[in-house]
Amino acid sequence: MNDAALLTHVEGRTGILTFNRPHVMNAFNSELIAATHEAMDGFLSDDSVQAIVLHGAGRCFSAGFDMKESAAKGITGEAEWRKVLTTDFDFIMQFWNSPKPTIAAAHGFCIAGAMEVLMACDMAVAGDSTLFGEPEVRFGSGIVAMLAPYVTGPKQAKELLLTGNDRIPAARCFEMGLLNKVVPDGEEVESAMALAHQITSASAQSVQRTKYAINHTYELGRMREGLAAALEVDVGIEADQSPERLEFNRIRKEEGLKAALEWRNRQV
């Protein structure tokens, strides 16, 4: 059994990243984040790799950033939170910034920061029973990379981010434009690889320049400034330590994450 936080391999001209912390729903911790940056650097410097697919081992894509690790660090104050959240932001945005197309293949759950990773990818597919959501507001937290308004519309983004609903079905995400395809469970990686094959069969230079042009269209609309401003809002939220956040963290520390989530779900 390979206990590395991230598994990588190349299939044809596609690099594949597998989040490999299934015992904690592939939560993004420091080890996984560092390994992903290293793997992405390797794929980007390898001319034989022309597309990148990412998915999760075990029962889900990912539950987002590792809250247990974050709590153990005892982060306080805006300066400390800005450093941590900037690291998280850069982890997400590397998939947007990659000159080579990135494709997310989601199954099980794709929650919080993991959903932001999926939105940062150029394309995304999901198994039909996959559940999505950004529940941060429900426990006094904020959004690291506020891509939703750009990937979908403002009303859909508000539905996602202001309700904190973390049981949004794949079919609804497809309606919102967050997914390219919804496929039968178990076929999401195959579907993502089929998209990658179409991409790698085209001219690599044309593909990369076209991706740049599409992304640049958003950035000309000051998307970068908007994301930076939203990140500052998140820094303020995390540093503020709202009563809801303090109570959620207390329950998580004393009774475990499951109990904290159950408490959160009772707040109606």
Protein backbone atom coordinates (compact mmCIF):
# COMPACT_ATOMS: atom_id res chain seq x y z
CA MET A 1 0.00 0.00 0.00
CA ASN A 2 1.39 3.40 -1.01
CA ASP A 3 0.92 5.86 1.86
CA ALA A 4 2.17 8.93 -0.03
CA ALA A 5 -0.27 11.84 0.20
CA LEU A 6 -0.21 12.19 -3.58
CA LEU A 7 0.22 9.60 -6.31
CA THR A 8 1.33 10.52 -9.81
CA HIS A 9 1.78 8.75 -13.10
CA VAL A 10 1.68 9.48 -16.82
CA GLU A 11 -0.67 7.71 -19.19
CA GLY A 12 0.07 8.52 -22.81
CA ARG A 13 0.40 12.29 -22.90
CA THR A 14 -1.68 12.90 -19.78
CA GLY A 15 -0.27 13.43 -16.32
CA ILE A 16 -2.48 12.07 -13.53
CA LEU A 17 -2.61 13.33 -9.94
CA THR A 18 -4.38 11.22 -7.31
CA PHE A 19 -5.10 12.74 -3.90
CA ASN A 20 -4.25 9.82 -1.62
CA ARG A 21 -5.44 10.45 1.93
CA PRO A 22 -8.62 8.35 1.79
CA HIS A 23 -8.71 7.82 5.57
CA VAL A 24 -9.45 11.57 5.96
CA MET A 25 -11.46 12.04 2.76
CA ASN A 26 -8.36 13.28 0.92
CA ALA A 27 -8.20 16.45 3.00
CA PHE A 28 -5.50 18.82 1.76
CA ASN A 29 -2.72 18.99 4.33
CA SER A 30 0.76 20.53 4.09
CA GLU A 31 2.29 17.32 2.75
CA LEU A 32 -0.28 16.94 -0.01
CA ILE A 33 -0.04 20.62 -0.97
CA ALA A 34 3.75 20.51 -1.25
CA ALA A 35 3.67 17.24 -3.19
CA THR A 36 1.10 18.63 -5.62
CA HIS A 37 3.18 21.72 -6.36
CA GLU A 38 6.20 19.49 -7.00
CA ALA A 39 4.22 17.14 -9.25
CA MET A 40 2.69 20.00 -11.21
CA ASP A 41 6.14 21.53 -11.73
CA GLY A 42 7.29 18.17 -13.07
CA PHE A 43 4.36 17.85 -15.46
CA LEU A 44 4.77 21.41 -16.70
CA SER A 45 8.45 20.88 -17.44
CA ASP A 46 7.81 17.58 -19.25
CA ASP A 47 7.09 18.29 -22.91
CA SER A 48 5.54 14.82 -23.33
CA VAL A 49 2.72 15.76 -20.91
CA GLN A 50 0.07 17.91 -22.58
CA ALA A 51 -2.90 17.62 -20.18
CA ILE A 52 -3.39 16.91 -16.48
CA VAL A 53 -6.19 14.95 -14.78
CA LEU A 54 -6.75 15.00 -11.02
CA HIS A 55 -8.97 12.79 -8.90
CA GLY A 56 -9.18 11.29 -5.43
CA ALA A 57 -8.48 7.84 -4.01
CA GLY A 58 -11.08 6.00 -1.97
CA ARG A 59 -14.64 7.16 -1.52
CA CYS A 60 -14.37 10.80 -2.58
CA PHE A 61 -12.54 13.49 -4.50
CA SER A 62 -11.79 15.57 -1.40
CA ALA A 63 -13.40 17.24 1.59
CA GLY A 64 -11.19 20.32 1.20
CA PHE A 65 -8.46 21.68 3.43
CA ASP A 66 -7.48 19.71 6.53
CA MET A 67 -9.23 21.55 9.38
CA LYS A 68 -7.61 19.33 12.01
CA GLU A 69 -4.12 20.32 10.86
CA SER A 70 -5.15 23.96 10.75
CA ALA A 71 -6.55 23.84 14.29
CA ALA A 72 -3.41 22.11 15.59
CA LYS A 73 -1.26 25.00 14.35
CA GLY A 74 -3.13 27.45 16.58
CA ILE A 75 -3.17 30.16 13.93
CA THR A 76 -4.14 33.62 15.20
CA GLY A 77 -4.07 37.15 13.86
CA GLU A 78 -4.32 38.49 10.34
CA ALA A 79 -0.61 38.11 9.52
CA GLU A 80 -0.57 34.39 10.35
CA TRP A 81 -3.87 33.77 8.60
CA ARG A 82 -2.73 35.68 5.50
CA LYS A 83 0.34 33.45 5.22
CA VAL A 84 -1.67 30.23 5.57
CA LEU A 85 -4.49 31.30 3.28
CA THR A 86 -2.11 32.58 0.61
CA THR A 87 -0.53 29.11 0.56
CA ASP A 88 -4.00 27.58 0.19
CA PHE A 89 -4.92 30.11 -2.51
CA ASP A 90 -1.77 29.33 -4.52
CA PHE A 91 -2.51 25.61 -4.25
CA ILE A 92 -5.95 26.15 -5.79
CA MET A 93 -4.92 28.63 -8.44
CA GLN A 94 -2.05 26.53 -9.83
CA PHE A 95 -4.66 24.59 -11.80
CA TRP A 96 -6.03 27.81 -13.32
CA ASN A 97 -2.51 29.14 -13.94
CA SER A 98 -1.20 25.94 -15.52
CA PRO A 99 -0.52 26.52 -19.24
CA LYS A 100 -1.48 22.88 -19.79
CA PRO A 101 -5.20 22.09 -19.49
CA THR A 102 -6.36 20.60 -16.20
CA ILE A 103 -9.37 18.33 -15.76
CA ALA A 104 -10.97 17.35 -12.45
CA ALA A 105 -12.74 13.99 -12.09
CA ALA A 106 -14.93 14.10 -8.98
CA HIS A 107 -16.76 11.36 -7.12
CA GLY A 108 -18.30 10.92 -3.69
CA PHE A 109 -17.84 14.35 -2.14
CA CYS A 110 -16.22 17.52 -3.49
CA ILE A 111 -16.51 20.04 -0.68
CA ALA A 112 -15.17 23.47 0.28
CA GLY A 113 -11.57 24.01 -0.91
CA ALA A 114 -11.87 20.89 -3.07
CA MET A 115 -14.76 22.48 -4.95
CA GLU A 116 -12.56 25.54 -5.51
CA VAL A 117 -9.87 23.26 -6.94
CA LEU A 118 -12.45 21.77 -9.29
CA MET A 119 -13.54 25.25 -10.37
CA ALA A 120 -9.93 26.27 -10.97
CA CYS A 121 -9.54 23.39 -13.42
CA ASP A 122 -10.32 23.98 -17.08
CA MET A 123 -12.87 21.18 -17.23
CA ALA A 124 -14.62 18.95 -14.74
CA VAL A 125 -16.65 15.75 -14.78
CA ALA A 126 -18.39 13.96 -11.94
CA GLY A 127 -20.14 10.74 -11.08
CA ASP A 128 -23.89 11.24 -10.88
CA SER A 129 -24.14 10.69 -7.12
CA THR A 130 -21.32 13.13 -6.29
CA LEU A 131 -22.24 15.82 -3.76
CA PHE A 132 -20.79 19.32 -3.84
CA GLY A 133 -20.85 22.42 -1.69
CA GLU A 134 -19.03 25.22 0.09
CA PRO A 135 -20.24 25.11 3.71
CA GLU A 136 -17.76 27.65 5.09
CA VAL A 137 -20.36 30.23 6.16
CA ARG A 138 -22.07 27.62 8.31
CA PHE A 139 -19.14 27.49 10.72
CA GLY A 140 -17.89 31.08 10.53
CA SER A 141 -15.22 30.58 7.89
CA GLY A 142 -14.66 32.14 4.46
CA ILE A 143 -13.87 31.33 0.84
CA VAL A 144 -10.19 30.96 -0.06
CA ALA A 145 -10.46 31.36 -3.86
CA MET A 146 -13.79 32.94 -4.77
CA LEU A 147 -14.00 31.53 -8.28
CA ALA A 148 -17.72 30.78 -8.23
CA PRO A 149 -18.89 34.19 -9.55
CA TYR A 150 -16.61 33.75 -12.57
CA VAL A 151 -17.30 30.09 -13.28
CA THR A 152 -21.07 30.52 -12.88
CA GLY A 153 -23.34 33.56 -12.52
CA PRO A 154 -23.79 35.84 -9.49
CA LYS A 155 -27.12 34.34 -8.43
CA GLN A 156 -25.77 30.80 -8.65
CA ALA A 157 -22.61 31.84 -6.80
CA LYS A 158 -24.69 33.32 -4.01
CA GLU A 159 -26.77 30.15 -3.85
CA LEU A 160 -23.55 28.17 -3.41
CA LEU A 161 -21.73 30.45 -1.01
CA LEU A 162 -24.43 32.08 1.12
CA THR A 163 -26.45 28.96 1.94
CA GLY A 164 -23.46 26.79 2.83
CA ASN A 165 -25.32 23.81 1.36
CA ASP A 166 -22.86 20.91 1.10
CA ARG A 167 -25.26 18.41 -0.45
CA ILE A 168 -25.65 19.93 -3.90
CA PRO A 169 -26.13 17.14 -6.46
CA ALA A 170 -23.98 16.81 -9.56
CA ALA A 171 -26.98 17.45 -11.80
CA ARG A 172 -27.52 20.89 -10.21
CA CYS A 173 -23.81 21.72 -10.57
CA PHE A 174 -24.06 20.78 -14.24
CA GLU A 175 -27.01 23.17 -14.60
CA MET A 176 -24.91 25.91 -13.02
CA GLY A 177 -22.11 25.36 -15.53
CA LEU A 178 -19.68 24.01 -12.94
CA LEU A 179 -19.36 20.63 -14.65
CA ASN A 180 -18.80 19.66 -18.28
CA LYS A 181 -20.26 16.18 -17.86
CA VAL A 182 -22.13 14.04 -15.36
CA VAL A 183 -21.52 10.34 -15.91
CA PRO A 184 -22.49 7.09 -14.17
CA ASP A 185 -20.60 6.56 -10.91
CA GLY A 186 -17.22 4.98 -11.51
CA GLU A 187 -16.85 6.39 -15.03
CA GLU A 188 -15.63 9.87 -14.06
CA VAL A 189 -11.90 9.19 -14.52
CA GLU A 190 -12.52 7.42 -17.82
CA SER A 191 -14.56 10.40 -18.99
CA ALA A 192 -11.89 12.86 -17.88
CA MET A 193 -9.24 10.83 -19.68
CA ALA A 194 -11.36 10.85 -22.85
CA LEU A 195 -11.44 14.66 -22.70
CA ALA A 196 -7.69 14.69 -22.07
CA HIS A 197 -7.16 12.45 -25.09
CA GLN A 198 -9.04 14.88 -27.31
CA ILE A 199 -6.90 17.72 -25.96
CA THR A 200 -3.61 15.88 -26.39
CA SER A 201 -4.57 14.92 -29.93
CA ALA A 202 -4.62 18.61 -30.85
CA SER A 203 -1.68 20.99 -31.32
CA ALA A 204 -0.14 21.58 -27.88
CA GLN A 205 0.88 25.11 -28.80
CA SER A 206 -2.59 26.01 -30.08
CA VAL A 207 -4.26 24.48 -27.02
CA GLN A 208 -2.04 26.33 -24.56
CA ARG A 209 -2.35 29.67 -26.35
CA THR A 210 -6.12 29.30 -26.56
CA LYS A 211 -6.35 28.49 -22.85
CA TYR A 212 -4.27 31.60 -22.14
CA ALA A 213 -6.61 33.72 -24.29
CA ILE A 214 -9.73 32.41 -22.52
CA ASN A 215 -8.26 32.94 -19.05
CA HIS A 216 -6.91 36.35 -20.02
CA THR A 217 -10.42 37.43 -21.02
CA TYR A 218 -11.49 36.98 -17.39
CA GLU A 219 -8.35 38.60 -16.07
CA LEU A 220 -8.88 41.66 -18.27
CA GLY A 221 -12.15 41.99 -16.38
CA ARG A 222 -10.01 42.38 -13.25
CA MET A 223 -10.66 38.87 -12.00
CA ARG A 224 -7.22 38.77 -10.37
CA GLU A 225 -8.00 41.90 -8.37
CA GLY A 226 -11.37 40.47 -7.41
CA LEU A 227 -9.83 37.22 -6.17
CA ALA A 228 -7.17 39.12 -4.20
CA ALA A 229 -9.85 41.29 -2.58
CA ALA A 230 -11.93 38.21 -1.72
CA LEU A 231 -8.85 36.59 -0.18
CA GLU A 232 -8.41 39.63 2.08
CA VAL A 233 -12.04 39.25 3.16
CA ASP A 234 -11.31 35.62 4.04
CA VAL A 235 -8.24 36.66 6.06
CA GLY A 236 -10.47 39.00 8.06
CA ILE A 237 -13.12 36.32 8.60
CA GLU A 238 -10.61 33.73 9.80
CA ALA A 239 -8.79 36.18 12.09
CA ASP A 240 -12.04 37.49 13.59
CA GLN A 241 -12.96 34.20 15.30
CA SER A 242 -16.75 34.47 15.27
CA PRO A 243 -18.78 32.75 18.03
CA GLU A 244 -19.94 30.11 15.51
CA ARG A 245 -16.38 29.34 14.50
CA LEU A 246 -15.18 29.14 18.10
CA GLU A 247 -17.99 26.77 19.05
CA PHE A 248 -17.45 24.60 15.98
CA ASN A 249 -13.73 24.33 16.78
CA ARG A 250 -14.43 23.60 20.45
CA ILE A 251 -16.75 20.72 19.59
CA ARG A 252 -14.35 19.41 16.98
CA LYS A 253 -11.48 19.43 19.49
CA GLU A 254 -13.44 17.88 22.37
CA GLU A 255 -15.82 15.53 20.55
CA GLY A 256 -14.44 15.11 17.04
CA LEU A 257 -15.23 16.38 13.56
CA LYS A 258 -18.39 14.27 13.18
CA ALA A 259 -19.92 15.85 16.28
CA ALA A 260 -18.93 19.33 15.09
CA LEU A 261 -20.56 18.75 11.72
CA GLU A 262 -23.72 17.45 13.39
CA TRP A 263 -23.82 20.59 15.56
CA ARG A 264 -23.39 22.75 12.46
CA ASN A 265 -26.19 20.94 10.66
CA ARG A 266 -28.55 21.61 13.56
CA GLN A 267 -28.08 25.39 13.25
CA VAL A 268 -31.19 26.28 11.28
